[in-house]
Amino acid sequence: MSAPNVDKPNEGIVGQVTNSVSNAANYVSDTIQGKGAEASKEANKEQAKGNAGDTSVSGRTTGALDAASDKITQSKHEGAAKANKEGI
């Protein structure tokens, strides 16, 4: 998760292009990581519902906690991706 590079007024065209390329790469990376966290969240939600094989209370609780953690991770990556996209 990388913050976008902010264009500086005196960095020149090469610096601006470098920042744009860096922001584009970070956008792609954060988007992929956000999608991975989303997939993990959905799998953990199924576990929390008891639909993923482990129907014990501890297994369902773990699934719910993991889903919540994945949602936080997903939100962080989506926010970083949005910031990087705006910095391109």
Protein backbone atom coordinates (compact mmCIF):
# COMPACT_ATOMS: atom_id res chain seq x y z
CA MET A 1 0.00 0.00 0.00
CA SER A 2 1.79 3.10 -1.21
CA ALA A 3 0.74 6.70 -1.02
CA PRO A 4 0.71 8.49 -4.34
CA ASN A 5 3.70 10.55 -5.33
CA VAL A 6 2.74 14.20 -5.24
CA ASP A 7 3.96 16.20 -8.19
CA LYS A 8 6.40 18.92 -7.13
CA PRO A 9 6.33 22.17 -9.10
CA ASN A 10 10.02 22.07 -10.05
CA GLU A 11 10.59 18.39 -10.79
CA GLY A 12 10.33 18.60 -14.57
CA ILE A 13 8.65 16.38 -17.12
CA VAL A 14 10.81 13.32 -16.41
CA GLY A 15 9.96 13.47 -12.71
CA GLN A 16 6.27 13.84 -13.50
CA VAL A 17 6.35 10.86 -15.88
CA THR A 18 8.24 8.80 -13.29
CA ASN A 19 5.65 9.69 -10.64
CA SER A 20 2.80 8.80 -12.99
CA VAL A 21 4.35 5.44 -13.83
CA SER A 22 4.98 4.74 -10.15
CA ASN A 23 1.42 5.71 -9.24
CA ALA A 24 0.04 3.51 -12.02
CA ALA A 25 2.05 0.52 -10.78
CA ASN A 26 0.93 1.14 -7.20
CA TYR A 27 -2.68 1.46 -8.37
CA VAL A 28 -2.51 -1.94 -10.08
CA SER A 29 -0.82 -3.53 -7.06
CA ASP A 30 -3.34 -2.13 -4.57
CA THR A 31 -6.27 -3.08 -6.81
CA ILE A 32 -5.05 -6.69 -7.02
CA GLN A 33 -4.40 -6.87 -3.28
CA GLY A 34 -7.85 -5.39 -2.59
CA LYS A 35 -9.48 -8.02 -4.80
CA GLY A 36 -7.54 -10.76 -2.99
CA ALA A 37 -8.74 -9.46 0.37
CA GLU A 38 -12.30 -9.33 -0.97
CA ALA A 39 -12.14 -12.96 -2.08
CA SER A 40 -10.73 -14.00 1.30
CA LYS A 41 -13.46 -12.02 3.06
CA GLU A 42 -16.18 -13.81 1.10
CA ALA A 43 -14.68 -17.22 1.90
CA ASN A 44 -14.48 -16.32 5.58
CA LYS A 45 -18.08 -15.11 5.54
CA GLU A 46 -19.12 -18.53 4.28
CA GLN A 47 -17.11 -20.14 7.08
CA ALA A 48 -18.83 -17.83 9.59
CA LYS A 49 -22.19 -19.00 8.24
CA GLY A 50 -21.12 -22.62 8.70
CA ASN A 51 -21.06 -23.30 4.96
CA ALA A 52 -17.34 -24.05 4.65
CA GLY A 53 -16.99 -27.39 6.38
CA ASP A 54 -16.06 -26.20 9.88
CA THR A 55 -19.39 -25.74 11.63
CA SER A 56 -17.99 -25.55 15.17
CA VAL A 57 -18.56 -22.38 17.14
CA SER A 58 -14.83 -21.63 17.21
CA GLY A 59 -14.53 -22.22 13.46
CA ARG A 60 -17.47 -19.94 12.73
CA THR A 61 -16.13 -17.28 15.10
CA THR A 62 -12.72 -17.43 13.48
CA GLY A 63 -14.37 -17.03 10.07
CA ALA A 64 -16.27 -13.97 11.25
CA LEU A 65 -13.19 -12.34 12.76
CA ASP A 66 -11.11 -13.11 9.67
CA ALA A 67 -13.84 -11.68 7.43
CA ALA A 68 -13.81 -8.45 9.45
CA SER A 69 -10.03 -8.25 9.19
CA ASP A 70 -10.18 -8.89 5.44
CA LYS A 71 -12.76 -6.12 5.06
CA ILE A 72 -10.40 -3.65 6.76
CA THR A 73 -7.54 -4.77 4.51
CA GLN A 74 -9.76 -4.51 1.45
CA SER A 75 -10.82 -0.97 2.39
CA LYS A 76 -7.21 0.12 2.93
CA HIS A 77 -6.13 -1.19 -0.46
CA GLU A 78 -9.14 0.29 -2.24
CA GLY A 79 -8.43 3.67 -0.66
CA ALA A 80 -4.76 3.51 -1.64
CA ALA A 81 -5.68 2.45 -5.18
CA LYS A 82 -8.08 5.38 -5.49
CA ALA A 83 -5.43 7.82 -4.26
CA ASN A 84 -2.85 6.41 -6.68
CA LYS A 85 -5.31 6.54 -9.57
CA GLU A 86 -5.94 10.22 -8.88
CA GLY A 87 -2.18 10.81 -8.81
CA ILE A 88 -1.62 9.40 -12.30
